Amino acid sequence: VGGFSWQSYIEESPTSGDGDTLVANRLWEQI
């Protein structure tokens, strides 16, 4: 199977003030 008929959706990089609920005055460990 080749030649898939692809469709795409582009993610936009979020920025501060985009309604994020997680905020801190420091860097948090990821996990």
PDB file of all heavy atoms in Angstrom:
ATOM      1  N   VAL A   1       0.869  -1.180   0.000  1.00  0.00           N
ATOM      2  CA  VAL A   1       0.000   0.000   0.000  1.00  0.00           C
ATOM      3  C   VAL A   1       0.901   1.222   0.000  1.00  0.00           C
ATOM      4  O   VAL A   1       1.723   1.401   0.898  1.00  0.00           O
ATOM      5  CB  VAL A   1      -0.935   0.048   1.224  1.00  0.00           C
ATOM      6  CG1 VAL A   1      -1.783   1.325   1.188  1.00  0.00           C
ATOM      7  CG2 VAL A   1      -1.838  -1.176   1.280  1.00  0.00           C
ATOM      8  N   GLY A   2       0.753   2.068  -0.992  1.00  0.00           N
ATOM      9  CA  GLY A   2       1.516   3.312  -1.068  1.00  0.00           C
ATOM     10  C   GLY A   2       0.633   4.413  -1.599  1.00  0.00           C
ATOM     11  O   GLY A   2      -0.539   4.206  -1.936  1.00  0.00           O
ATOM     12  N   GLY A   3       1.188   5.608  -1.669  1.00  0.00           N
ATOM     13  CA  GLY A   3       0.406   6.722  -2.184  1.00  0.00           C
ATOM     14  C   GLY A   3      -0.801   7.030  -1.324  1.00  0.00           C
ATOM     15  O   GLY A   3      -1.906   7.279  -1.834  1.00  0.00           O
ATOM     16  N   PHE A   4      -0.635   6.998  -0.001  1.00  0.00           N
ATOM     17  CA  PHE A   4      -1.735   7.343   0.898  1.00  0.00           C
ATOM     18  C   PHE A   4      -2.268   8.745   0.579  1.00  0.00           C
ATOM     19  O   PHE A   4      -1.495   9.658   0.252  1.00  0.00           O
ATOM     20  CB  PHE A   4      -1.265   7.325   2.352  1.00  0.00           C
ATOM     21  CG  PHE A   4      -0.963   5.954   2.897  1.00  0.00           C
ATOM     22  CD1 PHE A   4       0.334   5.472   2.919  1.00  0.00           C
ATOM     23  CD2 PHE A   4      -1.969   5.157   3.397  1.00  0.00           C
ATOM     24  CE1 PHE A   4       0.624   4.223   3.441  1.00  0.00           C
ATOM     25  CE2 PHE A   4      -1.697   3.898   3.922  1.00  0.00           C
ATOM     26  CZ  PHE A   4      -0.398   3.426   3.942  1.00  0.00           C
ATOM     27  N   SER A   5      -3.562   8.923   0.704  1.00  0.00           N
ATOM     28  CA  SER A   5      -4.166  10.258   0.543  1.00  0.00           C
ATOM     29  C   SER A   5      -4.155  10.948   1.901  1.00  0.00           C
ATOM     30  O   SER A   5      -5.106  10.860   2.690  1.00  0.00           O
ATOM     31  CB  SER A   5      -5.599  10.128   0.012  1.00  0.00           C
ATOM     32  OG  SER A   5      -5.612   9.557  -1.277  1.00  0.00           O
ATOM     33  N   TRP A   6      -3.074  11.629   2.163  1.00  0.00           N
ATOM     34  CA  TRP A   6      -2.862  12.225   3.482  1.00  0.00           C
ATOM     35  C   TRP A   6      -3.633  13.527   3.644  1.00  0.00           C
ATOM     36  O   TRP A   6      -3.766  14.307   2.712  1.00  0.00           O
ATOM     37  CB  TRP A   6      -1.383  12.497   3.716  1.00  0.00           C
ATOM     38  CG  TRP A   6      -0.545  11.262   3.817  1.00  0.00           C
ATOM     39  CD1 TRP A   6       0.266  10.748   2.857  1.00  0.00           C
ATOM     40  CD2 TRP A   6      -0.453  10.388   4.939  1.00  0.00           C
ATOM     41  NE1 TRP A   6       0.872   9.604   3.305  1.00  0.00           N
ATOM     42  CE2 TRP A   6       0.456   9.348   4.581  1.00  0.00           C
ATOM     43  CE3 TRP A   6      -1.028  10.362   6.204  1.00  0.00           C
ATOM     44  CZ2 TRP A   6       0.784   8.321   5.454  1.00  0.00           C
ATOM     45  CZ3 TRP A   6      -0.703   9.324   7.071  1.00  0.00           C
ATOM     46  CH2 TRP A   6       0.188   8.320   6.694  1.00  0.00           C
ATOM     47  N   GLN A   7      -4.095  13.757   4.877  1.00  0.00           N
ATOM     48  CA  GLN A   7      -4.611  15.051   5.297  1.00  0.00           C
ATOM     49  C   GLN A   7      -3.751  15.518   6.463  1.00  0.00           C
ATOM     50  O   GLN A   7      -3.152  14.693   7.165  1.00  0.00           O
ATOM     51  CB  GLN A   7      -6.072  14.952   5.716  1.00  0.00           C
ATOM     52  CG  GLN A   7      -7.008  14.496   4.607  1.00  0.00           C
ATOM     53  CD  GLN A   7      -8.435  14.378   5.090  1.00  0.00           C
ATOM     54  OE1 GLN A   7      -8.960  15.301   5.713  1.00  0.00           O
ATOM     55  NE2 GLN A   7      -9.066  13.248   4.807  1.00  0.00           N
ATOM     56  N   SER A   8      -3.673  16.797   6.694  1.00  0.00           N
ATOM     57  CA  SER A   8      -2.765  17.314   7.721  1.00  0.00           C
ATOM     58  C   SER A   8      -3.470  18.300   8.641  1.00  0.00           C
ATOM     59  O   SER A   8      -4.453  18.942   8.267  1.00  0.00           O
ATOM     60  CB  SER A   8      -1.551  17.991   7.072  1.00  0.00           C
ATOM     61  OG  SER A   8      -1.953  19.081   6.267  1.00  0.00           O
ATOM     62  N   TYR A   9      -2.933  18.377   9.847  1.00  0.00           N
ATOM     63  CA  TYR A   9      -3.393  19.355  10.838  1.00  0.00           C
ATOM     64  C   TYR A   9      -2.156  19.865  11.561  1.00  0.00           C
ATOM     65  O   TYR A   9      -1.392  19.080  12.144  1.00  0.00           O
ATOM     66  CB  TYR A   9      -4.361  18.717  11.839  1.00  0.00           C
ATOM     67  CG  TYR A   9      -4.686  19.602  13.013  1.00  0.00           C
ATOM     68  CD1 TYR A   9      -5.577  20.669  12.877  1.00  0.00           C
ATOM     69  CD2 TYR A   9      -4.093  19.378  14.254  1.00  0.00           C
ATOM     70  CE1 TYR A   9      -5.861  21.491  13.962  1.00  0.00           C
ATOM     71  CE2 TYR A   9      -4.377  20.184  15.344  1.00  0.00           C
ATOM     72  CZ  TYR A   9      -5.272  21.241  15.196  1.00  0.00           C
ATOM     73  OH  TYR A   9      -5.542  22.058  16.265  1.00  0.00           O
ATOM     74  N   ILE A  10      -1.939  21.169  11.521  1.00  0.00           N
ATOM     75  CA  ILE A  10      -0.731  21.764  12.087  1.00  0.00           C
ATOM     76  C   ILE A  10      -0.994  22.254  13.506  1.00  0.00           C
ATOM     77  O   ILE A  10      -1.955  22.996  13.750  1.00  0.00           O
ATOM     78  CB  ILE A  10      -0.227  22.934  11.224  1.00  0.00           C
ATOM     79  CG1 ILE A  10       0.062  22.454   9.803  1.00  0.00           C
ATOM     80  CG2 ILE A  10       1.021  23.568  11.835  1.00  0.00           C
ATOM     81  CD1 ILE A  10       0.437  23.579   8.853  1.00  0.00           C
ATOM     82  N   GLU A  11      -0.157  21.813  14.418  1.00  0.00           N
ATOM     83  CA  GLU A  11      -0.180  22.320  15.791  1.00  0.00           C
ATOM     84  C   GLU A  11       0.507  23.677  15.832  1.00  0.00           C
ATOM     85  O   GLU A  11       1.543  23.875  15.195  1.00  0.00           O
ATOM     86  CB  GLU A  11       0.564  21.363  16.724  1.00  0.00           C
ATOM     87  CG  GLU A  11      -0.168  20.099  17.051  1.00  0.00           C
ATOM     88  CD  GLU A  11      -1.049  20.236  18.286  1.00  0.00           C
ATOM     89  OE1 GLU A  11      -1.024  21.304  18.936  1.00  0.00           O
ATOM     90  OE2 GLU A  11      -1.770  19.261  18.587  1.00  0.00           O
ATOM     91  N   GLU A  12      -0.048  24.584  16.591  1.00  0.00           N
ATOM     92  CA  GLU A  12       0.623  25.860  16.822  1.00  0.00           C
ATOM     93  C   GLU A  12       1.333  25.810  18.165  1.00  0.00           C
ATOM     94  O   GLU A  12       0.813  25.241  19.123  1.00  0.00           O
ATOM     95  CB  GLU A  12      -0.378  27.009  16.788  1.00  0.00           C
ATOM     96  CG  GLU A  12      -1.005  27.240  15.420  1.00  0.00           C
ATOM     97  CD  GLU A  12      -1.921  28.444  15.409  1.00  0.00           C
ATOM     98  OE1 GLU A  12      -2.019  29.116  16.464  1.00  0.00           O
ATOM     99  OE2 GLU A  12      -2.527  28.715  14.360  1.00  0.00           O
ATOM    100  N   SER A  13       2.505  26.416  18.210  1.00  0.00           N
ATOM    101  CA  SER A  13       3.220  26.432  19.486  1.00  0.00           C
ATOM    102  C   SER A  13       2.479  27.348  20.442  1.00  0.00           C
ATOM    103  O   SER A  13       2.173  28.495  20.108  1.00  0.00           O
ATOM    104  CB  SER A  13       4.659  26.913  19.287  1.00  0.00           C
ATOM    105  OG  SER A  13       4.675  28.221  18.762  1.00  0.00           O
ATOM    106  N   PRO A  14       2.138  26.861  21.633  1.00  0.00           N
ATOM    107  CA  PRO A  14       1.422  27.706  22.592  1.00  0.00           C
ATOM    108  C   PRO A  14       2.355  28.750  23.202  1.00  0.00           C
ATOM    109  O   PRO A  14       3.587  28.625  23.148  1.00  0.00           O
ATOM    110  CB  PRO A  14       0.955  26.703  23.640  1.00  0.00           C
ATOM    111  CG  PRO A  14       1.991  25.628  23.605  1.00  0.00           C
ATOM    112  CD  PRO A  14       2.435  25.540  22.169  1.00  0.00           C
ATOM    113  N   THR A  15       1.782  29.757  23.767  1.00  0.00           N
ATOM    114  CA  THR A  15       2.556  30.781  24.464  1.00  0.00           C
ATOM    115  C   THR A  15       1.896  31.066  25.802  1.00  0.00           C
ATOM    116  O   THR A  15       0.738  30.697  26.028  1.00  0.00           O
ATOM    117  CB  THR A  15       2.621  32.081  23.644  1.00  0.00           C
ATOM    118  OG1 THR A  15       1.288  32.560  23.404  1.00  0.00           O
ATOM    119  CG2 THR A  15       3.320  31.858  22.314  1.00  0.00           C
ATOM    120  N   SER A  16       2.640  31.716  26.680  1.00  0.00           N
ATOM    121  CA  SER A  16       2.080  32.071  27.981  1.00  0.00           C
ATOM    122  C   SER A  16       0.890  32.992  27.769  1.00  0.00           C
ATOM    123  O   SER A  16       0.870  33.823  26.864  1.00  0.00           O
ATOM    124  CB  SER A  16       3.139  32.764  28.837  1.00  0.00           C
ATOM    125  OG  SER A  16       3.637  33.908  28.167  1.00  0.00           O
ATOM    126  N   GLY A  17      -0.138  32.793  28.599  1.00  0.00           N
ATOM    127  CA  GLY A  17      -1.339  33.593  28.446  1.00  0.00           C
ATOM    128  C   GLY A  17      -2.371  32.941  27.552  1.00  0.00           C
ATOM    129  O   GLY A  17      -3.420  33.539  27.285  1.00  0.00           O
ATOM    130  N   ASP A  18      -2.101  31.705  27.082  1.00  0.00           N
ATOM    131  CA  ASP A  18      -3.060  31.007  26.220  1.00  0.00           C
ATOM    132  C   ASP A  18      -4.115  30.238  27.025  1.00  0.00           C
ATOM    133  O   ASP A  18      -4.725  29.304  26.533  1.00  0.00           O
ATOM    134  CB  ASP A  18      -2.324  30.010  25.311  1.00  0.00           C
ATOM    135  CG  ASP A  18      -1.634  30.704  24.152  1.00  0.00           C
ATOM    136  OD1 ASP A  18      -1.834  31.914  23.994  1.00  0.00           O
ATOM    137  OD2 ASP A  18      -0.907  30.013  23.415  1.00  0.00           O
ATOM    138  N   GLY A  19      -4.306  30.638  28.269  1.00  0.00           N
ATOM    139  CA  GLY A  19      -5.287  29.957  29.087  1.00  0.00           C
ATOM    140  C   GLY A  19      -4.714  28.777  29.851  1.00  0.00           C
ATOM    141  O   GLY A  19      -5.461  27.927  30.332  1.00  0.00           O
ATOM    142  N   ASP A  20      -3.401  28.730  29.971  1.00  0.00           N
ATOM    143  CA  ASP A  20      -2.778  27.623  30.699  1.00  0.00           C
ATOM    144  C   ASP A  20      -3.119  27.731  32.181  1.00  0.00           C
ATOM    145  O   ASP A  20      -3.123  28.806  32.763  1.00  0.00           O
ATOM    146  CB  ASP A  20      -1.257  27.672  30.529  1.00  0.00           C
ATOM    147  CG  ASP A  20      -0.876  27.707  29.061  1.00  0.00           C
ATOM    148  OD1 ASP A  20      -1.056  26.682  28.381  1.00  0.00           O
ATOM    149  OD2 ASP A  20      -0.430  28.778  28.604  1.00  0.00           O
ATOM    150  N   THR A  21      -3.388  26.609  32.779  1.00  0.00           N
ATOM    151  CA  THR A  21      -3.735  26.604  34.194  1.00  0.00           C
ATOM    152  C   THR A  21      -2.524  26.356  35.084  1.00  0.00           C
ATOM    153  O   THR A  21      -2.587  26.607  36.280  1.00  0.00           O
ATOM    154  CB  THR A  21      -4.790  25.527  34.473  1.00  0.00           C
ATOM    155  OG1 THR A  21      -4.286  24.255  34.048  1.00  0.00           O
ATOM    156  CG2 THR A  21      -6.086  25.823  33.725  1.00  0.00           C
ATOM    157  N   LEU A  22      -1.443  25.857  34.515  1.00  0.00           N
ATOM    158  CA  LEU A  22      -0.259  25.556  35.301  1.00  0.00           C
ATOM    159  C   LEU A  22       0.724  26.713  35.211  1.00  0.00           C
ATOM    160  O   LEU A  22       1.243  27.011  34.133  1.00  0.00           O
ATOM    161  CB  LEU A  22       0.391  24.263  34.807  1.00  0.00           C
ATOM    162  CG  LEU A  22      -0.469  22.998  34.891  1.00  0.00           C
ATOM    163  CD1 LEU A  22       0.239  21.831  34.226  1.00  0.00           C
ATOM    164  CD2 LEU A  22      -0.795  22.664  36.339  1.00  0.00           C
ATOM    165  N   VAL A  23       0.958  27.367  36.321  1.00  0.00           N
ATOM    166  CA  VAL A  23       1.841  28.532  36.357  1.00  0.00           C
ATOM    167  C   VAL A  23       2.706  28.441  37.610  1.00  0.00           C
ATOM    168  O   VAL A  23       2.237  28.034  38.671  1.00  0.00           O
ATOM    169  CB  VAL A  23       1.036  29.856  36.368  1.00  0.00           C
ATOM    170  CG1 VAL A  23       1.973  31.055  36.448  1.00  0.00           C
ATOM    171  CG2 VAL A  23       0.144  29.966  35.136  1.00  0.00           C
ATOM    172  N   ALA A  24       3.969  28.803  37.476  1.00  0.00           N
ATOM    173  CA  ALA A  24       4.870  28.821  38.628  1.00  0.00           C
ATOM    174  C   ALA A  24       5.978  29.827  38.382  1.00  0.00           C
ATOM    175  O   ALA A  24       6.295  30.157  37.234  1.00  0.00           O
ATOM    176  CB  ALA A  24       5.463  27.442  38.879  1.00  0.00           C
ATOM    177  N   ASN A  25       6.554  30.328  39.463  1.00  0.00           N
ATOM    178  CA  ASN A  25       7.678  31.256  39.348  1.00  0.00           C
ATOM    179  C   ASN A  25       9.000  30.492  39.403  1.00  0.00           C
ATOM    180  O   ASN A  25       9.958  30.920  40.037  1.00  0.00           O
ATOM    181  CB  ASN A  25       7.622  32.303  40.468  1.00  0.00           C
ATOM    182  CG  ASN A  25       6.458  33.245  40.298  1.00  0.00           C
ATOM    183  OD1 ASN A  25       6.121  33.620  39.163  1.00  0.00           O
ATOM    184  ND2 ASN A  25       5.833  33.633  41.394  1.00  0.00           N
ATOM    185  N   ARG A  26       9.036  29.376  38.735  1.00  0.00           N
ATOM    186  CA  ARG A  26      10.245  28.563  38.657  1.00  0.00           C
ATOM    187  C   ARG A  26      10.053  27.501  37.586  1.00  0.00           C
ATOM    188  O   ARG A  26       8.956  27.341  37.034  1.00  0.00           O
ATOM    189  CB  ARG A  26      10.547  27.894  39.999  1.00  0.00           C
ATOM    190  CG  ARG A  26       9.455  26.960  40.488  1.00  0.00           C
ATOM    191  CD  ARG A  26       9.752  26.472  41.903  1.00  0.00           C
ATOM    192  NE  ARG A  26       8.698  25.618  42.429  1.00  0.00           N
ATOM    193  CZ  ARG A  26       8.659  24.305  42.315  1.00  0.00           C
ATOM    194  NH1 ARG A  26       9.642  23.666  41.671  1.00  0.00           N
ATOM    195  NH2 ARG A  26       7.680  23.593  42.834  1.00  0.00           N
ATOM    196  N   LEU A  27      11.119  26.770  37.308  1.00  0.00           N
ATOM    197  CA  LEU A  27      11.063  25.676  36.346  1.00  0.00           C
ATOM    198  C   LEU A  27      10.660  24.395  37.069  1.00  0.00           C
ATOM    199  O   LEU A  27      11.243  24.039  38.100  1.00  0.00           O
ATOM    200  CB  LEU A  27      12.427  25.496  35.671  1.00  0.00           C
ATOM    201  CG  LEU A  27      12.877  26.655  34.776  1.00  0.00           C
ATOM    202  CD1 LEU A  27      14.344  26.489  34.400  1.00  0.00           C
ATOM    203  CD2 LEU A  27      12.006  26.727  33.520  1.00  0.00           C
ATOM    204  N   TRP A  28       9.697  23.697  36.506  1.00  0.00           N
ATOM    205  CA  TRP A  28       9.232  22.444  37.095  1.00  0.00           C
ATOM    206  C   TRP A  28       9.868  21.257  36.393  1.00  0.00           C
ATOM    207  O   TRP A  28      10.091  21.280  35.172  1.00  0.00           O
ATOM    208  CB  TRP A  28       7.717  22.334  36.955  1.00  0.00           C
ATOM    209  CG  TRP A  28       6.962  22.956  38.101  1.00  0.00           C
ATOM    210  CD1 TRP A  28       7.451  23.315  39.309  1.00  0.00           C
ATOM    211  CD2 TRP A  28       5.568  23.277  38.107  1.00  0.00           C
ATOM    212  NE1 TRP A  28       6.465  23.845  40.087  1.00  0.00           N
ATOM    213  CE2 TRP A  28       5.292  23.838  39.375  1.00  0.00           C
ATOM    214  CE3 TRP A  28       4.535  23.153  37.179  1.00  0.00           C
ATOM    215  CZ2 TRP A  28       4.017  24.262  39.741  1.00  0.00           C
ATOM    216  CZ3 TRP A  28       3.271  23.575  37.545  1.00  0.00           C
ATOM    217  CH2 TRP A  28       3.016  24.124  38.811  1.00  0.00           C
ATOM    218  N   GLU A  29      10.117  20.206  37.168  1.00  0.00           N
ATOM    219  CA  GLU A  29      10.582  18.941  36.602  1.00  0.00           C
ATOM    220  C   GLU A  29       9.445  18.336  35.770  1.00  0.00           C
ATOM    221  O   GLU A  29       8.275  18.368  36.172  1.00  0.00           O
ATOM    222  CB  GLU A  29      11.001  18.000  37.728  1.00  0.00           C
ATOM    223  CG  GLU A  29      11.740  16.754  37.269  1.00  0.00           C
ATOM    224  CD  GLU A  29      10.799  15.624  36.888  1.00  0.00           C
ATOM    225  OE1 GLU A  29       9.723  15.517  37.512  1.00  0.00           O
ATOM    226  OE2 GLU A  29      11.138  14.867  35.949  1.00  0.00           O
ATOM    227  N   GLN A  30       9.785  17.767  34.608  1.00  0.00           N
ATOM    228  CA  GLN A  30       8.763  17.402  33.630  1.00  0.00           C
ATOM    229  C   GLN A  30       7.812  16.309  34.103  1.00  0.00           C
ATOM    230  O   GLN A  30       6.593  16.427  33.982  1.00  0.00           O
ATOM    231  CB  GLN A  30       9.423  16.973  32.316  1.00  0.00           C
ATOM    232  CG  GLN A  30       8.433  16.535  31.250  1.00  0.00           C
ATOM    233  CD  GLN A  30       9.037  16.467  29.875  1.00  0.00           C
ATOM    234  OE1 GLN A  30      10.032  17.108  29.604  1.00  0.00           O
ATOM    235  NE2 GLN A  30       8.425  15.694  28.990  1.00  0.00           N
ATOM    236  N   ILE A  31       8.338  15.185  34.624  1.00  0.00           N
ATOM    237  CA  ILE A  31       7.479  14.054  34.955  1.00  0.00           C
ATOM    238  C   ILE A  31       6.561  14.396  36.119  1.00  0.00           C
ATOM    239  O   ILE A  31       5.444  13.883  36.224  1.00  0.00           O
ATOM    240  CB  ILE A  31       8.320  12.799  35.258  1.00  0.00           C
ATOM    241  CG1 ILE A  31       9.270  12.511  34.096  1.00  0.00           C
ATOM    242  CG2 ILE A  31       7.439  11.592  35.511  1.00  0.00           C
ATOM    243  CD1 ILE A  31       8.574  12.360  32.748  1.00  0.00           C
TER     244      ILE A  31
END
